[in-house]
N, C-alpha and C. Protein backbone atom coordinates (compact mmCIF):
# COMPACT_ATOMS: atom_id res chain seq x y z
N UNK A 1 -16.52 -67.44 -53.25
CA UNK A 1 -15.99 -68.44 -54.14
C UNK A 1 -16.70 -68.32 -55.48
N UNK A 2 -15.98 -68.36 -56.55
CA UNK A 2 -16.56 -68.26 -57.88
C UNK A 2 -16.25 -69.53 -58.64
N UNK A 3 -17.28 -70.13 -59.22
CA UNK A 3 -17.10 -71.33 -60.01
C UNK A 3 -17.17 -70.98 -61.49
N UNK A 4 -16.40 -71.66 -62.29
CA UNK A 4 -16.40 -71.43 -63.73
C UNK A 4 -17.00 -72.62 -64.44
N UNK A 5 -17.85 -72.36 -65.41
CA UNK A 5 -18.41 -73.42 -66.22
C UNK A 5 -17.48 -73.66 -67.40
N UNK A 6 -17.12 -74.87 -67.62
CA UNK A 6 -16.11 -75.21 -68.62
C UNK A 6 -16.59 -75.00 -70.06
N UNK A 7 -17.90 -74.98 -70.33
CA UNK A 7 -18.35 -74.87 -71.70
C UNK A 7 -18.37 -73.43 -72.21
N UNK A 8 -18.08 -72.45 -71.39
CA UNK A 8 -17.95 -71.07 -71.83
C UNK A 8 -16.48 -70.77 -72.12
N UNK A 9 -16.25 -69.90 -73.09
CA UNK A 9 -14.88 -69.49 -73.37
C UNK A 9 -14.39 -68.60 -72.24
N UNK A 10 -13.26 -68.94 -71.70
CA UNK A 10 -12.69 -68.17 -70.61
C UNK A 10 -11.82 -67.06 -71.17
N UNK A 11 -11.92 -65.84 -70.65
CA UNK A 11 -11.06 -64.75 -71.12
C UNK A 11 -9.61 -65.04 -70.70
N UNK A 12 -8.70 -64.48 -71.47
CA UNK A 12 -7.29 -64.65 -71.15
C UNK A 12 -6.90 -63.68 -70.04
N UNK A 13 -7.05 -64.12 -68.82
CA UNK A 13 -6.70 -63.31 -67.65
C UNK A 13 -5.48 -63.94 -67.01
N UNK A 14 -4.44 -63.17 -66.85
CA UNK A 14 -3.26 -63.76 -66.21
C UNK A 14 -3.59 -64.17 -64.77
N UNK A 15 -3.01 -65.26 -64.30
CA UNK A 15 -3.33 -65.73 -62.95
C UNK A 15 -2.96 -64.74 -61.85
N UNK A 16 -2.09 -63.81 -62.14
CA UNK A 16 -1.68 -62.85 -61.12
C UNK A 16 -2.39 -61.50 -61.30
N UNK A 17 -3.57 -61.49 -61.95
CA UNK A 17 -4.31 -60.24 -62.14
C UNK A 17 -4.70 -59.68 -60.77
N UNK A 18 -4.49 -58.38 -60.55
CA UNK A 18 -4.82 -57.80 -59.24
C UNK A 18 -6.33 -57.77 -59.00
N UNK A 19 -6.70 -58.01 -57.78
CA UNK A 19 -8.09 -57.95 -57.35
C UNK A 19 -8.43 -56.48 -57.09
N UNK A 20 -9.65 -56.07 -57.44
CA UNK A 20 -10.04 -54.66 -57.27
C UNK A 20 -9.83 -54.18 -55.84
N UNK A 21 -10.15 -55.03 -54.85
CA UNK A 21 -10.02 -54.65 -53.44
C UNK A 21 -8.57 -54.31 -53.11
N UNK A 22 -7.63 -55.03 -53.71
CA UNK A 22 -6.21 -54.81 -53.45
C UNK A 22 -5.69 -53.53 -54.11
N UNK A 23 -6.43 -53.01 -55.09
CA UNK A 23 -6.01 -51.79 -55.78
C UNK A 23 -6.41 -50.53 -55.01
N UNK A 24 -7.28 -50.67 -54.02
CA UNK A 24 -7.75 -49.54 -53.22
C UNK A 24 -6.79 -49.33 -52.05
N UNK A 25 -6.47 -48.07 -51.76
CA UNK A 25 -5.54 -47.82 -50.65
C UNK A 25 -6.21 -48.17 -49.32
N UNK A 26 -5.41 -48.34 -48.30
CA UNK A 26 -5.91 -48.84 -47.01
C UNK A 26 -6.93 -47.90 -46.38
N UNK A 27 -6.76 -46.59 -46.50
CA UNK A 27 -7.72 -45.65 -45.92
C UNK A 27 -9.10 -45.81 -46.57
N UNK A 28 -9.12 -46.00 -47.88
CA UNK A 28 -10.40 -46.19 -48.58
C UNK A 28 -11.02 -47.52 -48.19
N UNK A 29 -10.20 -48.55 -47.99
CA UNK A 29 -10.73 -49.85 -47.55
C UNK A 29 -11.39 -49.72 -46.19
N UNK A 30 -10.73 -49.03 -45.27
CA UNK A 30 -11.28 -48.87 -43.92
C UNK A 30 -12.59 -48.09 -43.97
N UNK A 31 -12.66 -47.05 -44.80
CA UNK A 31 -13.89 -46.27 -44.93
C UNK A 31 -15.01 -47.14 -45.49
N UNK A 32 -14.71 -47.97 -46.47
CA UNK A 32 -15.72 -48.85 -47.06
C UNK A 32 -16.22 -49.85 -46.03
N UNK A 33 -15.31 -50.41 -45.24
CA UNK A 33 -15.70 -51.38 -44.22
C UNK A 33 -16.59 -50.72 -43.17
N UNK A 34 -16.26 -49.50 -42.76
CA UNK A 34 -17.08 -48.79 -41.77
C UNK A 34 -18.47 -48.50 -42.30
N UNK A 35 -18.56 -48.08 -43.56
CA UNK A 35 -19.87 -47.80 -44.16
C UNK A 35 -20.70 -49.08 -44.24
N UNK A 36 -20.08 -50.16 -44.69
CA UNK A 36 -20.81 -51.44 -44.78
C UNK A 36 -21.26 -51.91 -43.40
N UNK A 37 -20.41 -51.73 -42.39
CA UNK A 37 -20.78 -52.14 -41.03
C UNK A 37 -21.98 -51.34 -40.53
N UNK A 38 -22.00 -50.02 -40.82
CA UNK A 38 -23.14 -49.20 -40.41
C UNK A 38 -24.42 -49.63 -41.13
N UNK A 39 -24.31 -49.92 -42.43
CA UNK A 39 -25.49 -50.36 -43.18
C UNK A 39 -26.03 -51.68 -42.64
N UNK A 40 -25.13 -52.62 -42.37
CA UNK A 40 -25.56 -53.91 -41.83
C UNK A 40 -26.20 -53.72 -40.46
N UNK A 41 -25.62 -52.86 -39.65
CA UNK A 41 -26.17 -52.60 -38.33
C UNK A 41 -27.58 -52.03 -38.42
N UNK A 42 -27.79 -51.09 -39.32
CA UNK A 42 -29.13 -50.51 -39.50
C UNK A 42 -30.13 -51.56 -39.94
N UNK A 43 -29.71 -52.42 -40.86
CA UNK A 43 -30.62 -53.47 -41.33
C UNK A 43 -30.99 -54.42 -40.20
N UNK A 44 -30.02 -54.76 -39.36
CA UNK A 44 -30.29 -55.67 -38.25
C UNK A 44 -31.15 -55.02 -37.17
N UNK A 45 -31.00 -53.71 -36.96
CA UNK A 45 -31.80 -53.02 -35.95
C UNK A 45 -33.27 -52.94 -36.36
N UNK A 46 -33.52 -52.81 -37.65
CA UNK A 46 -34.89 -52.71 -38.14
C UNK A 46 -35.62 -54.04 -38.10
N UNK A 47 -34.90 -55.12 -37.92
CA UNK A 47 -35.52 -56.43 -37.86
C UNK A 47 -35.86 -56.94 -39.25
N UNK A 48 -36.37 -58.14 -39.31
CA UNK A 48 -36.69 -58.73 -40.62
C UNK A 48 -37.83 -57.98 -41.30
N UNK A 49 -37.74 -57.87 -42.59
CA UNK A 49 -38.79 -57.20 -43.36
C UNK A 49 -40.01 -58.12 -43.39
N UNK A 50 -41.16 -57.53 -43.21
CA UNK A 50 -42.38 -58.33 -43.25
C UNK A 50 -43.06 -58.11 -44.59
N UNK A 51 -43.60 -59.19 -45.12
CA UNK A 51 -44.29 -59.08 -46.40
C UNK A 51 -45.77 -58.81 -46.16
N UNK A 52 -46.36 -58.10 -47.10
CA UNK A 52 -47.79 -57.80 -47.00
C UNK A 52 -48.58 -59.07 -47.25
N UNK A 53 -49.68 -59.18 -46.56
CA UNK A 53 -50.54 -60.35 -46.72
C UNK A 53 -51.48 -60.16 -47.90
N UNK A 54 -51.77 -61.25 -48.59
CA UNK A 54 -52.72 -61.20 -49.71
C UNK A 54 -54.16 -61.27 -49.24
N UNK A 55 -54.34 -61.56 -47.96
CA UNK A 55 -55.71 -61.73 -47.46
C UNK A 55 -56.27 -60.46 -46.92
């Protein structure tokens, strides 16, 4: 969800402007989803990152 602040000038974008995701063909979308799923899986397998202690 994206919120707009009213005090900034809004660009003249037609309400039916295509979303970048919709401009990508279905095969490319599926490949992107698979890559993201693998990256998320790797991050979850490694567990939470631990921060170094100052002591």
